[in-house]
Amino acid sequence: MKKTLFALALAACGHAMAAGPYDGIYADAAAPNSYISVHTNGDRVIATSYEILPASGIVFTSEIGSVMPRQVNVWQLLQGTISGSNASLSGQLMFNQCNVQISASFTGTGLVAYITRSTSSGAGSSSTMNCQALVSSLPIRFNKIF
């Protein structure tokens, strides 16, 4: 019985899985400990950025205690559409302080991204974050590693 249920569950999951030619993990060519995981399904794409940032004096408190880590692992989600090798993504960066739009082009070995628009989010408008400074003519280059 358990084998039958497992087989049915596995078969049902198979319909939701997708793997496009650009799916994978990309490492930031200029910033160590910075990655993007890309997943596509038809013309839809999500990209999750992962960064390991140094922490200085930050204390996290929960029901089980407090900790002052030496580093903080951060991830942020972007979503959008892809057509051919070009993607248009939107989401929030900088600890959800900035709403961004990103144009990305996939190459044979990685991807090149440009932040084309960045404005303060609701959270960002109450901080000193200069979101407009994220917009640059310089590309952000990522090398595909998986």
N, C-alpha and C. Protein backbone atom coordinates (compact mmCIF):
# COMPACT_ATOMS: atom_id res chain seq x y z
N MET A 1 0.82 -1.20 0.00
CA MET A 1 0.00 0.00 0.00
C MET A 1 0.87 1.26 0.00
N LYS A 2 1.90 1.28 0.87
CA LYS A 2 2.77 2.44 0.96
C LYS A 2 3.49 2.67 -0.36
N LYS A 3 3.91 1.57 -1.02
CA LYS A 3 4.61 1.68 -2.30
C LYS A 3 3.68 2.28 -3.36
N THR A 4 2.43 1.88 -3.35
CA THR A 4 1.47 2.41 -4.31
C THR A 4 1.24 3.89 -4.10
N LEU A 5 1.06 4.30 -2.84
CA LEU A 5 0.87 5.73 -2.53
C LEU A 5 2.10 6.54 -2.92
N PHE A 6 3.29 5.99 -2.65
CA PHE A 6 4.52 6.68 -3.00
C PHE A 6 4.63 6.84 -4.52
N ALA A 7 4.31 5.78 -5.26
CA ALA A 7 4.37 5.83 -6.72
C ALA A 7 3.39 6.86 -7.27
N LEU A 8 2.17 6.90 -6.70
CA LEU A 8 1.19 7.89 -7.15
C LEU A 8 1.65 9.31 -6.84
N ALA A 9 2.22 9.51 -5.66
CA ALA A 9 2.71 10.85 -5.29
C ALA A 9 3.87 11.26 -6.19
N LEU A 10 4.76 10.33 -6.48
CA LEU A 10 5.89 10.62 -7.36
C LEU A 10 5.42 10.95 -8.77
N ALA A 11 4.45 10.21 -9.27
CA ALA A 11 3.92 10.47 -10.60
C ALA A 11 3.25 11.83 -10.68
N ALA A 12 2.53 12.20 -9.64
CA ALA A 12 1.86 13.50 -9.61
C ALA A 12 2.87 14.63 -9.59
N CYS A 13 3.97 14.44 -8.88
CA CYS A 13 5.02 15.47 -8.81
C CYS A 13 5.70 15.66 -10.15
N GLY A 14 5.77 14.62 -10.94
CA GLY A 14 6.45 14.69 -12.23
C GLY A 14 5.85 15.73 -13.15
N HIS A 15 4.58 16.00 -13.02
CA HIS A 15 3.92 16.97 -13.88
C HIS A 15 4.30 18.40 -13.53
N ALA A 16 4.72 18.63 -12.31
CA ALA A 16 5.06 19.98 -11.87
C ALA A 16 6.53 20.32 -12.09
N MET A 17 7.35 19.32 -12.41
CA MET A 17 8.77 19.56 -12.58
C MET A 17 9.07 20.10 -13.97
N ALA A 18 10.02 21.01 -14.02
CA ALA A 18 10.43 21.56 -15.30
C ALA A 18 11.92 21.84 -15.24
N ALA A 19 12.59 21.65 -16.33
CA ALA A 19 14.01 21.96 -16.40
C ALA A 19 14.30 22.51 -17.78
N GLY A 20 14.53 23.80 -17.83
CA GLY A 20 14.86 24.44 -19.09
C GLY A 20 16.36 24.51 -19.28
N PRO A 21 16.79 24.96 -20.44
CA PRO A 21 18.23 25.01 -20.74
C PRO A 21 19.01 25.98 -19.85
N TYR A 22 18.33 26.91 -19.20
CA TYR A 22 19.02 27.90 -18.37
C TYR A 22 18.86 27.62 -16.88
N ASP A 23 18.11 26.57 -16.53
CA ASP A 23 17.95 26.22 -15.12
C ASP A 23 19.31 25.83 -14.55
N GLY A 24 19.57 26.30 -13.34
CA GLY A 24 20.82 25.94 -12.70
C GLY A 24 21.25 26.97 -11.68
N ILE A 25 22.48 26.83 -11.21
CA ILE A 25 23.05 27.74 -10.23
C ILE A 25 24.19 28.51 -10.87
N TYR A 26 24.18 29.81 -10.65
CA TYR A 26 25.17 30.71 -11.23
C TYR A 26 25.89 31.45 -10.11
N ALA A 27 27.22 31.59 -10.23
CA ALA A 27 28.03 32.30 -9.24
C ALA A 27 28.37 33.69 -9.77
N ASP A 28 28.24 34.69 -8.91
CA ASP A 28 28.61 36.06 -9.25
C ASP A 28 30.11 36.09 -9.55
N ALA A 29 30.48 36.56 -10.73
CA ALA A 29 31.89 36.58 -11.14
C ALA A 29 32.72 37.55 -10.32
N ALA A 30 32.10 38.57 -9.73
CA ALA A 30 32.85 39.60 -9.01
C ALA A 30 32.70 39.53 -7.50
N ALA A 31 31.75 38.77 -7.01
CA ALA A 31 31.48 38.75 -5.57
C ALA A 31 31.47 37.31 -5.05
N PRO A 32 32.46 36.95 -4.24
CA PRO A 32 32.43 35.59 -3.67
C PRO A 32 31.22 35.44 -2.74
N ASN A 33 30.75 34.23 -2.61
CA ASN A 33 29.61 33.93 -1.74
C ASN A 33 28.31 34.57 -2.21
N SER A 34 28.16 34.77 -3.52
CA SER A 34 26.94 35.34 -4.08
C SER A 34 26.52 34.48 -5.27
N TYR A 35 25.28 33.97 -5.22
CA TYR A 35 24.80 33.03 -6.22
C TYR A 35 23.38 33.37 -6.64
N ILE A 36 23.00 32.84 -7.82
CA ILE A 36 21.61 32.92 -8.27
C ILE A 36 21.20 31.53 -8.73
N SER A 37 20.02 31.09 -8.30
CA SER A 37 19.45 29.84 -8.75
C SER A 37 18.29 30.18 -9.68
N VAL A 38 18.33 29.65 -10.90
CA VAL A 38 17.34 29.97 -11.93
C VAL A 38 16.49 28.74 -12.23
N HIS A 39 15.17 28.97 -12.31
CA HIS A 39 14.23 27.89 -12.62
C HIS A 39 13.19 28.41 -13.60
N THR A 40 12.98 27.68 -14.70
CA THR A 40 12.03 28.10 -15.72
C THR A 40 10.97 27.02 -15.93
N ASN A 41 9.82 27.49 -16.41
CA ASN A 41 8.73 26.60 -16.79
C ASN A 41 7.98 27.32 -17.90
N GLY A 42 8.21 26.90 -19.13
CA GLY A 42 7.62 27.60 -20.27
C GLY A 42 8.23 28.99 -20.37
N ASP A 43 7.37 30.02 -20.38
CA ASP A 43 7.87 31.39 -20.47
C ASP A 43 7.99 32.07 -19.10
N ARG A 44 7.84 31.32 -18.03
CA ARG A 44 7.95 31.87 -16.67
C ARG A 44 9.32 31.53 -16.08
N VAL A 45 9.85 32.44 -15.29
CA VAL A 45 11.15 32.22 -14.67
C VAL A 45 11.14 32.78 -13.25
N ILE A 46 11.80 32.06 -12.35
CA ILE A 46 12.09 32.62 -11.03
C ILE A 46 13.60 32.52 -10.83
N ALA A 47 14.14 33.49 -10.16
CA ALA A 47 15.56 33.50 -9.83
C ALA A 47 15.68 33.89 -8.36
N THR A 48 16.40 33.09 -7.63
CA THR A 48 16.59 33.36 -6.22
C THR A 48 18.05 33.70 -5.99
N SER A 49 18.29 34.86 -5.39
CA SER A 49 19.68 35.23 -5.09
C SER A 49 20.01 34.79 -3.68
N TYR A 50 21.21 34.28 -3.52
CA TYR A 50 21.72 33.83 -2.22
C TYR A 50 23.04 34.55 -1.97
N GLU A 51 23.18 35.14 -0.81
CA GLU A 51 24.42 35.81 -0.45
C GLU A 51 24.78 35.48 0.98
N ILE A 52 26.07 35.38 1.23
CA ILE A 52 26.58 35.23 2.59
C ILE A 52 27.24 36.56 2.94
N LEU A 53 26.65 37.27 3.88
CA LEU A 53 27.12 38.60 4.25
C LEU A 53 27.74 38.59 5.64
N PRO A 54 28.81 39.36 5.83
CA PRO A 54 29.35 39.46 7.19
C PRO A 54 28.37 40.20 8.09
N ALA A 55 28.32 39.78 9.33
CA ALA A 55 27.42 40.42 10.30
C ALA A 55 28.28 41.02 11.41
N SER A 56 27.91 42.19 11.83
CA SER A 56 28.67 42.87 12.88
C SER A 56 27.70 43.42 13.92
N GLY A 57 27.60 42.74 15.05
CA GLY A 57 26.76 43.24 16.12
C GLY A 57 25.28 43.00 15.95
N ILE A 58 24.88 42.20 14.95
CA ILE A 58 23.46 41.89 14.75
C ILE A 58 23.07 40.75 15.68
N VAL A 59 21.98 40.92 16.42
CA VAL A 59 21.51 39.90 17.34
C VAL A 59 20.14 39.43 16.87
N PHE A 60 20.00 38.12 16.71
CA PHE A 60 18.72 37.51 16.38
C PHE A 60 18.19 36.83 17.63
N THR A 61 16.91 37.08 17.93
CA THR A 61 16.29 36.51 19.12
C THR A 61 15.05 35.72 18.72
N SER A 62 14.90 34.55 19.32
CA SER A 62 13.71 33.73 19.09
C SER A 62 13.24 33.17 20.42
N GLU A 63 12.25 32.29 20.36
CA GLU A 63 11.70 31.68 21.56
C GLU A 63 12.74 30.83 22.29
N ILE A 64 13.75 30.35 21.56
CA ILE A 64 14.72 29.44 22.17
C ILE A 64 16.03 30.12 22.56
N GLY A 65 16.15 31.42 22.28
CA GLY A 65 17.37 32.12 22.69
C GLY A 65 17.80 33.17 21.68
N SER A 66 19.01 33.68 21.89
CA SER A 66 19.58 34.72 21.03
C SER A 66 20.93 34.28 20.49
N VAL A 67 21.29 34.82 19.34
CA VAL A 67 22.58 34.52 18.74
C VAL A 67 23.10 35.76 18.02
N MET A 68 24.42 35.97 18.05
CA MET A 68 25.07 37.03 17.31
C MET A 68 26.00 36.36 16.29
N PRO A 69 25.48 36.08 15.07
CA PRO A 69 26.27 35.34 14.09
C PRO A 69 27.39 36.20 13.49
N ARG A 70 28.42 35.52 12.99
CA ARG A 70 29.50 36.21 12.29
C ARG A 70 29.12 36.50 10.84
N GLN A 71 28.14 35.76 10.34
CA GLN A 71 27.66 35.98 8.98
C GLN A 71 26.16 35.74 8.93
N VAL A 72 25.51 36.32 7.90
CA VAL A 72 24.09 36.16 7.70
C VAL A 72 23.87 35.64 6.28
N ASN A 73 23.11 34.58 6.15
CA ASN A 73 22.77 34.02 4.85
C ASN A 73 21.45 34.64 4.39
N VAL A 74 21.46 35.31 3.26
CA VAL A 74 20.31 36.07 2.77
C VAL A 74 19.87 35.50 1.43
N TRP A 75 18.56 35.37 1.22
CA TRP A 75 18.05 35.02 -0.10
C TRP A 75 16.89 35.95 -0.44
N GLN A 76 16.77 36.23 -1.74
CA GLN A 76 15.71 37.11 -2.22
C GLN A 76 15.18 36.56 -3.54
N LEU A 77 13.88 36.68 -3.76
CA LEU A 77 13.22 36.08 -4.90
C LEU A 77 12.88 37.11 -5.97
N LEU A 78 13.17 36.75 -7.22
CA LEU A 78 12.79 37.55 -8.38
C LEU A 78 11.95 36.66 -9.29
N GLN A 79 11.01 37.25 -10.02
CA GLN A 79 10.19 36.46 -10.92
C GLN A 79 9.90 37.26 -12.18
N GLY A 80 9.54 36.54 -13.24
CA GLY A 80 9.24 37.24 -14.48
C GLY A 80 9.02 36.29 -15.63
N THR A 81 9.40 36.76 -16.81
CA THR A 81 9.20 35.99 -18.03
C THR A 81 10.52 35.83 -18.75
N ILE A 82 10.56 34.79 -19.61
CA ILE A 82 11.74 34.55 -20.43
C ILE A 82 11.28 34.28 -21.85
N SER A 83 12.01 34.84 -22.80
CA SER A 83 11.76 34.62 -24.22
C SER A 83 13.11 34.37 -24.87
N GLY A 84 13.29 33.18 -25.38
CA GLY A 84 14.60 32.82 -25.92
C GLY A 84 15.62 32.84 -24.81
N SER A 85 16.68 33.61 -24.98
CA SER A 85 17.72 33.68 -23.96
C SER A 85 17.64 34.95 -23.12
N ASN A 86 16.53 35.70 -23.25
CA ASN A 86 16.38 36.97 -22.52
C ASN A 86 15.25 36.89 -21.50
N ALA A 87 15.56 37.36 -20.30
CA ALA A 87 14.56 37.33 -19.22
C ALA A 87 14.34 38.74 -18.69
N SER A 88 13.12 38.99 -18.26
CA SER A 88 12.74 40.23 -17.59
C SER A 88 12.23 39.84 -16.21
N LEU A 89 12.91 40.33 -15.17
CA LEU A 89 12.60 39.93 -13.80
C LEU A 89 12.24 41.13 -12.95
N SER A 90 11.44 40.91 -11.92
CA SER A 90 11.15 41.95 -10.94
C SER A 90 11.07 41.32 -9.57
N GLY A 91 11.28 42.14 -8.56
CA GLY A 91 11.24 41.67 -7.19
C GLY A 91 11.81 42.72 -6.26
N GLN A 92 12.32 42.28 -5.13
CA GLN A 92 12.90 43.20 -4.15
C GLN A 92 14.30 42.75 -3.79
N LEU A 93 15.20 43.73 -3.62
CA LEU A 93 16.58 43.48 -3.20
C LEU A 93 16.90 44.35 -2.00
N MET A 94 18.08 44.20 -1.48
CA MET A 94 18.57 44.99 -0.34
C MET A 94 17.64 44.86 0.86
N PHE A 95 17.45 43.60 1.28
CA PHE A 95 16.59 43.30 2.44
C PHE A 95 15.17 43.83 2.24
N ASN A 96 14.67 43.70 1.02
CA ASN A 96 13.32 44.12 0.64
C ASN A 96 13.12 45.63 0.71
N GLN A 97 14.19 46.38 0.68
CA GLN A 97 14.10 47.84 0.72
C GLN A 97 13.85 48.44 -0.66
N CYS A 98 14.26 47.72 -1.73
CA CYS A 98 14.19 48.27 -3.08
C CYS A 98 13.42 47.36 -4.03
N ASN A 99 12.41 47.93 -4.70
CA ASN A 99 11.72 47.23 -5.79
C ASN A 99 12.58 47.38 -7.03
N VAL A 100 12.90 46.26 -7.69
CA VAL A 100 13.78 46.32 -8.85
C VAL A 100 13.19 45.64 -10.06
N GLN A 101 13.67 46.07 -11.22
CA GLN A 101 13.42 45.39 -12.48
C GLN A 101 14.79 45.08 -13.06
N ILE A 102 14.93 43.86 -13.56
CA ILE A 102 16.22 43.39 -14.06
C ILE A 102 16.04 42.80 -15.45
N SER A 103 16.98 43.12 -16.32
CA SER A 103 17.04 42.53 -17.65
C SER A 103 18.23 41.58 -17.64
N ALA A 104 17.99 40.31 -18.01
CA ALA A 104 19.06 39.32 -17.99
C ALA A 104 19.14 38.60 -19.33
N SER A 105 20.36 38.34 -19.76
CA SER A 105 20.60 37.58 -20.99
C SER A 105 21.47 36.38 -20.65
N PHE A 106 21.04 35.22 -21.07
CA PHE A 106 21.79 33.99 -20.84
C PHE A 106 22.76 33.77 -21.99
N THR A 107 23.98 33.36 -21.64
CA THR A 107 25.00 33.05 -22.63
C THR A 107 25.30 31.55 -22.56
N GLY A 108 26.25 31.10 -23.31
CA GLY A 108 26.61 29.69 -23.26
C GLY A 108 27.22 29.27 -21.95
N THR A 109 27.80 30.21 -21.20
CA THR A 109 28.50 29.86 -19.96
C THR A 109 27.95 30.56 -18.72
N GLY A 110 26.94 31.41 -18.88
CA GLY A 110 26.43 32.12 -17.71
C GLY A 110 25.30 33.06 -18.05
N LEU A 111 25.22 34.14 -17.31
CA LEU A 111 24.22 35.16 -17.59
C LEU A 111 24.77 36.54 -17.25
N VAL A 112 24.23 37.51 -17.95
CA VAL A 112 24.60 38.91 -17.75
C VAL A 112 23.32 39.65 -17.39
N ALA A 113 23.35 40.39 -16.28
CA ALA A 113 22.15 41.07 -15.80
C ALA A 113 22.40 42.56 -15.61
N TYR A 114 21.37 43.33 -15.87
CA TYR A 114 21.37 44.78 -15.63
C TYR A 114 20.17 45.13 -14.77
N ILE A 115 20.38 45.90 -13.73
CA ILE A 115 19.26 46.44 -12.96
C ILE A 115 18.81 47.68 -13.72
N THR A 116 17.61 47.61 -14.30
CA THR A 116 17.13 48.70 -15.16
C THR A 116 16.28 49.72 -14.42
N ARG A 117 15.75 49.32 -13.26
CA ARG A 117 14.91 50.24 -12.48
C ARG A 117 14.96 49.83 -11.02
N SER A 118 15.00 50.80 -10.14
CA SER A 118 15.01 50.52 -8.70
C SER A 118 14.38 51.68 -7.96
N THR A 119 13.34 51.38 -7.19
CA THR A 119 12.66 52.39 -6.39
C THR A 119 12.49 51.87 -4.96
N SER A 120 12.28 52.77 -4.05
CA SER A 120 12.07 52.36 -2.65
C SER A 120 10.76 51.62 -2.49
N SER A 121 10.80 50.53 -1.74
CA SER A 121 9.58 49.81 -1.40
C SER A 121 8.95 50.52 -0.21
N GLY A 122 7.85 50.01 0.27
CA GLY A 122 7.24 50.59 1.46
C GLY A 122 8.22 50.58 2.62
N ALA A 123 8.94 49.47 2.76
CA ALA A 123 9.94 49.37 3.83
C ALA A 123 11.11 50.31 3.54
N GLY A 124 11.48 50.41 2.26
CA GLY A 124 12.62 51.23 1.88
C GLY A 124 12.41 52.71 2.06
N SER A 125 11.17 53.15 1.97
CA SER A 125 10.92 54.59 2.10
C SER A 125 11.13 55.08 3.53
N SER A 126 11.16 54.15 4.48
CA SER A 126 11.40 54.56 5.86
C SER A 126 12.86 54.36 6.27
N SER A 127 13.72 54.02 5.32
CA SER A 127 15.14 53.84 5.62
C SER A 127 15.96 54.86 4.84
N THR A 128 17.25 54.78 4.98
CA THR A 128 18.13 55.69 4.24
C THR A 128 18.70 55.03 3.00
N MET A 129 18.13 53.91 2.58
CA MET A 129 18.62 53.17 1.41
C MET A 129 18.41 53.99 0.14
N ASN A 130 19.49 54.17 -0.63
CA ASN A 130 19.43 54.87 -1.91
C ASN A 130 19.22 53.84 -3.01
N CYS A 131 17.99 53.44 -3.23
CA CYS A 131 17.68 52.38 -4.19
C CYS A 131 18.08 52.76 -5.61
N GLN A 132 17.97 54.02 -5.98
CA GLN A 132 18.32 54.45 -7.32
C GLN A 132 19.78 54.15 -7.65
N ALA A 133 20.62 54.07 -6.62
CA ALA A 133 22.04 53.79 -6.83
C ALA A 133 22.27 52.38 -7.38
N LEU A 134 21.28 51.49 -7.26
CA LEU A 134 21.42 50.15 -7.82
C LEU A 134 21.40 50.15 -9.34
N VAL A 135 20.75 51.14 -9.94
CA VAL A 135 20.65 51.21 -11.40
C VAL A 135 22.01 51.63 -11.95
N SER A 136 22.52 50.83 -12.84
CA SER A 136 23.85 51.09 -13.37
C SER A 136 23.94 50.60 -14.80
N SER A 137 24.83 51.18 -15.54
CA SER A 137 25.07 50.70 -16.90
C SER A 137 26.03 49.52 -16.87
N LEU A 138 26.60 49.23 -15.70
CA LEU A 138 27.54 48.11 -15.59
C LEU A 138 26.78 46.80 -15.46
N PRO A 139 27.19 45.78 -16.18
CA PRO A 139 26.51 44.49 -16.06
C PRO A 139 26.97 43.74 -14.82
N ILE A 140 26.10 42.87 -14.34
CA ILE A 140 26.45 41.92 -13.28
C ILE A 140 26.58 40.58 -13.97
N ARG A 141 27.76 39.98 -13.89
CA ARG A 141 28.04 38.74 -14.62
C ARG A 141 28.05 37.55 -13.67
N PHE A 142 27.40 36.48 -14.12
CA PHE A 142 27.33 35.25 -13.36
C PHE A 142 27.82 34.09 -14.23
N ASN A 143 28.60 33.20 -13.66
CA ASN A 143 29.08 32.01 -14.35
C ASN A 143 28.26 30.81 -13.89
N LYS A 144 27.80 30.00 -14.86
CA LYS A 144 27.00 28.83 -14.51
C LYS A 144 27.92 27.79 -13.88
N ILE A 145 27.55 27.30 -12.69
CA ILE A 145 28.39 26.31 -12.01
C ILE A 145 27.69 24.95 -11.86
N PHE A 146 26.35 24.90 -11.95
CA PHE A 146 25.59 23.66 -11.90
C PHE A 146 24.48 23.71 -12.91
